Amino acid sequence: MALDATTSTNSSWHGRPLQSVRDAARLLGLSTTTLYKMARCGDLKLKRLAGRTMIETSEIVRVIDSANDWTPSR
């Protein structure tokens, strides 16, 4: 099931404190590989909980807010 900006498989995504890497990738429109690369570079903070790698929802919002505005190339 694909995620959109308002729903996930169980509840509203922004109401959950943590997201799986896979769900975060879907929300951001990026691959899980890209998220792990961002974490290795220090651009994204991941958490370990019960053996799973998770991302705080506030961290996802921070990444979105830090995105550069798009400008057309010449």
N, C-alpha and C. Protein backbone atom coordinates (compact mmCIF):
# COMPACT_ATOMS: atom_id res chain seq x y z
N MET A 1 0.84 -1.18 0.00
CA MET A 1 0.00 0.00 0.00
C MET A 1 0.88 1.24 0.00
N ALA A 2 0.66 2.12 -0.91
CA ALA A 2 1.44 3.35 -1.01
C ALA A 2 1.00 4.35 0.05
N LEU A 3 1.94 5.11 0.56
CA LEU A 3 1.65 6.15 1.53
C LEU A 3 1.46 7.47 0.81
N ASP A 4 0.59 8.29 1.33
CA ASP A 4 0.50 9.65 0.82
C ASP A 4 0.71 10.59 2.00
N ALA A 5 0.52 11.86 1.80
CA ALA A 5 0.84 12.84 2.84
C ALA A 5 -0.09 12.79 4.04
N THR A 6 -1.19 12.06 3.97
CA THR A 6 -2.13 12.09 5.08
C THR A 6 -2.38 10.73 5.72
N THR A 7 -2.06 9.63 5.05
CA THR A 7 -2.39 8.33 5.64
C THR A 7 -1.24 7.35 5.52
N SER A 8 -1.25 6.38 6.40
CA SER A 8 -0.34 5.25 6.29
C SER A 8 -1.18 4.00 6.50
N THR A 9 -0.55 2.87 6.68
CA THR A 9 -1.30 1.63 6.80
C THR A 9 -2.16 1.60 8.05
N ASN A 10 -1.76 2.27 9.13
CA ASN A 10 -2.51 2.20 10.38
C ASN A 10 -3.10 3.54 10.82
N SER A 11 -2.40 4.63 10.59
CA SER A 11 -2.87 5.92 11.09
C SER A 11 -2.18 7.03 10.32
N SER A 12 -2.51 8.24 10.71
CA SER A 12 -1.88 9.39 10.09
C SER A 12 -0.37 9.35 10.36
N TRP A 13 0.44 9.46 9.32
CA TRP A 13 1.89 9.30 9.48
C TRP A 13 2.49 10.33 10.41
N HIS A 14 2.01 11.55 10.39
CA HIS A 14 2.62 12.59 11.22
C HIS A 14 2.23 12.45 12.68
N GLY A 15 1.27 11.61 13.00
CA GLY A 15 0.90 11.35 14.38
C GLY A 15 1.73 10.26 15.04
N ARG A 16 2.54 9.57 14.25
CA ARG A 16 3.40 8.51 14.78
C ARG A 16 4.77 9.09 15.09
N PRO A 17 5.35 8.80 16.25
CA PRO A 17 6.65 9.38 16.58
C PRO A 17 7.81 8.82 15.76
N LEU A 18 7.70 7.58 15.30
CA LEU A 18 8.75 6.95 14.51
C LEU A 18 8.18 6.35 13.24
N GLN A 19 9.03 6.33 12.20
CA GLN A 19 8.66 5.73 10.92
C GLN A 19 9.73 4.71 10.57
N SER A 20 9.34 3.67 9.89
CA SER A 20 10.35 2.75 9.37
C SER A 20 11.10 3.45 8.24
N VAL A 21 12.28 2.96 7.92
CA VAL A 21 13.06 3.55 6.82
C VAL A 21 12.26 3.42 5.53
N ARG A 22 11.61 2.29 5.33
CA ARG A 22 10.83 2.08 4.11
C ARG A 22 9.68 3.09 4.00
N ASP A 23 8.95 3.29 5.10
CA ASP A 23 7.84 4.25 5.06
C ASP A 23 8.36 5.68 4.87
N ALA A 24 9.48 6.01 5.52
CA ALA A 24 10.06 7.34 5.36
C ALA A 24 10.49 7.57 3.92
N ALA A 25 11.07 6.55 3.31
CA ALA A 25 11.47 6.67 1.91
C ALA A 25 10.27 6.93 1.01
N ARG A 26 9.19 6.23 1.27
CA ARG A 26 7.96 6.46 0.48
C ARG A 26 7.43 7.87 0.69
N LEU A 27 7.43 8.33 1.94
CA LEU A 27 6.93 9.68 2.22
C LEU A 27 7.77 10.75 1.54
N LEU A 28 9.08 10.53 1.50
CA LEU A 28 9.98 11.52 0.92
C LEU A 28 10.15 11.37 -0.59
N GLY A 29 9.70 10.25 -1.13
CA GLY A 29 9.89 10.00 -2.56
C GLY A 29 11.33 9.65 -2.89
N LEU A 30 12.03 9.05 -1.94
CA LEU A 30 13.43 8.66 -2.11
C LEU A 30 13.55 7.16 -1.90
N SER A 31 14.69 6.62 -2.25
CA SER A 31 14.93 5.19 -2.00
C SER A 31 15.48 5.00 -0.59
N THR A 32 15.34 3.80 -0.06
CA THR A 32 15.93 3.50 1.25
C THR A 32 17.45 3.64 1.18
N THR A 33 18.03 3.28 0.05
CA THR A 33 19.48 3.43 -0.13
C THR A 33 19.89 4.89 0.04
N THR A 34 19.12 5.80 -0.54
CA THR A 34 19.41 7.23 -0.40
C THR A 34 19.34 7.66 1.05
N LEU A 35 18.35 7.16 1.79
CA LEU A 35 18.23 7.54 3.20
C LEU A 35 19.42 7.04 4.01
N TYR A 36 19.86 5.82 3.74
CA TYR A 36 21.05 5.30 4.45
C TYR A 36 22.29 6.10 4.06
N LYS A 37 22.41 6.52 2.80
CA LYS A 37 23.55 7.35 2.38
C LYS A 37 23.50 8.70 3.10
N MET A 38 22.31 9.29 3.20
CA MET A 38 22.16 10.55 3.92
C MET A 38 22.58 10.40 5.38
N ALA A 39 22.23 9.27 5.98
CA ALA A 39 22.59 9.02 7.38
C ALA A 39 24.11 8.89 7.52
N ARG A 40 24.75 8.17 6.59
CA ARG A 40 26.21 8.03 6.64
C ARG A 40 26.92 9.37 6.50
N CYS A 41 26.33 10.28 5.72
CA CYS A 41 26.92 11.61 5.52
C CYS A 41 26.59 12.59 6.65
N GLY A 42 25.72 12.17 7.57
CA GLY A 42 25.34 13.03 8.68
C GLY A 42 24.17 13.95 8.38
N ASP A 43 23.50 13.73 7.24
CA ASP A 43 22.36 14.57 6.87
C ASP A 43 21.03 14.06 7.41
N LEU A 44 21.04 12.88 8.02
CA LEU A 44 19.81 12.27 8.52
C LEU A 44 20.17 11.43 9.74
N LYS A 45 19.38 11.55 10.80
CA LYS A 45 19.64 10.80 12.02
C LYS A 45 18.67 9.63 12.10
N LEU A 46 19.23 8.43 12.20
CA LEU A 46 18.42 7.21 12.35
C LEU A 46 18.46 6.74 13.79
N LYS A 47 17.48 5.95 14.17
CA LYS A 47 17.38 5.39 15.52
C LYS A 47 17.29 3.87 15.42
N ARG A 48 17.75 3.16 16.45
CA ARG A 48 17.57 1.71 16.55
C ARG A 48 16.59 1.46 17.68
N LEU A 49 15.56 0.66 17.40
CA LEU A 49 14.56 0.32 18.39
C LEU A 49 14.15 -1.12 18.17
N ALA A 50 14.37 -1.94 19.16
CA ALA A 50 13.99 -3.36 19.10
C ALA A 50 14.54 -4.04 17.84
N GLY A 51 15.77 -3.70 17.49
CA GLY A 51 16.41 -4.32 16.34
C GLY A 51 16.02 -3.74 15.00
N ARG A 52 15.19 -2.72 14.98
CA ARG A 52 14.76 -2.09 13.72
C ARG A 52 15.39 -0.71 13.60
N THR A 53 15.67 -0.31 12.38
CA THR A 53 16.16 1.03 12.11
C THR A 53 14.96 1.90 11.80
N MET A 54 14.85 2.99 12.54
CA MET A 54 13.69 3.87 12.44
C MET A 54 14.15 5.32 12.28
N ILE A 55 13.21 6.16 11.88
CA ILE A 55 13.46 7.59 11.74
C ILE A 55 12.37 8.32 12.50
N GLU A 56 12.78 9.28 13.32
CA GLU A 56 11.78 10.09 14.02
C GLU A 56 11.02 10.92 12.98
N THR A 57 9.73 11.03 13.17
CA THR A 57 8.90 11.80 12.25
C THR A 57 9.38 13.25 12.18
N SER A 58 9.80 13.79 13.30
CA SER A 58 10.31 15.17 13.30
C SER A 58 11.56 15.29 12.44
N GLU A 59 12.35 14.23 12.33
CA GLU A 59 13.55 14.23 11.48
C GLU A 59 13.14 14.26 10.00
N ILE A 60 12.07 13.56 9.66
CA ILE A 60 11.57 13.58 8.28
C ILE A 60 11.12 15.00 7.92
N VAL A 61 10.40 15.62 8.82
CA VAL A 61 9.94 17.00 8.59
C VAL A 61 11.14 17.94 8.47
N ARG A 62 12.17 17.74 9.29
CA ARG A 62 13.37 18.57 9.22
C ARG A 62 14.05 18.45 7.85
N VAL A 63 14.12 17.22 7.33
CA VAL A 63 14.72 17.00 6.02
C VAL A 63 13.92 17.72 4.94
N ILE A 64 12.60 17.63 5.02
CA ILE A 64 11.75 18.33 4.06
C ILE A 64 11.98 19.83 4.13
N ASP A 65 12.02 20.36 5.36
CA ASP A 65 12.21 21.81 5.54
C ASP A 65 13.58 22.28 5.06
N SER A 66 14.58 21.39 5.07
CA SER A 66 15.93 21.78 4.66
C SER A 66 16.16 21.69 3.16
N ALA A 67 15.17 21.21 2.43
CA ALA A 67 15.32 21.08 0.97
C ALA A 67 15.45 22.45 0.32
N ASN A 68 16.26 22.51 -0.71
CA ASN A 68 16.44 23.76 -1.46
C ASN A 68 15.26 23.98 -2.40
N ASP A 69 14.94 25.24 -2.61
CA ASP A 69 13.93 25.57 -3.60
C ASP A 69 14.43 25.18 -4.98
N TRP A 70 13.56 24.71 -5.82
CA TRP A 70 13.91 24.32 -7.18
C TRP A 70 14.03 25.58 -8.03
N THR A 71 15.06 25.60 -8.84
CA THR A 71 15.22 26.66 -9.83
C THR A 71 15.53 26.00 -11.17
N PRO A 72 14.97 26.51 -12.24
CA PRO A 72 15.21 25.90 -13.55
C PRO A 72 16.68 26.05 -13.96
N SER A 73 17.19 25.04 -14.63
CA SER A 73 18.54 25.14 -15.15
C SER A 73 18.50 25.92 -16.46
N ARG A 74 19.60 26.52 -16.80
CA ARG A 74 19.64 27.34 -18.01
C ARG A 74 20.35 26.62 -19.11
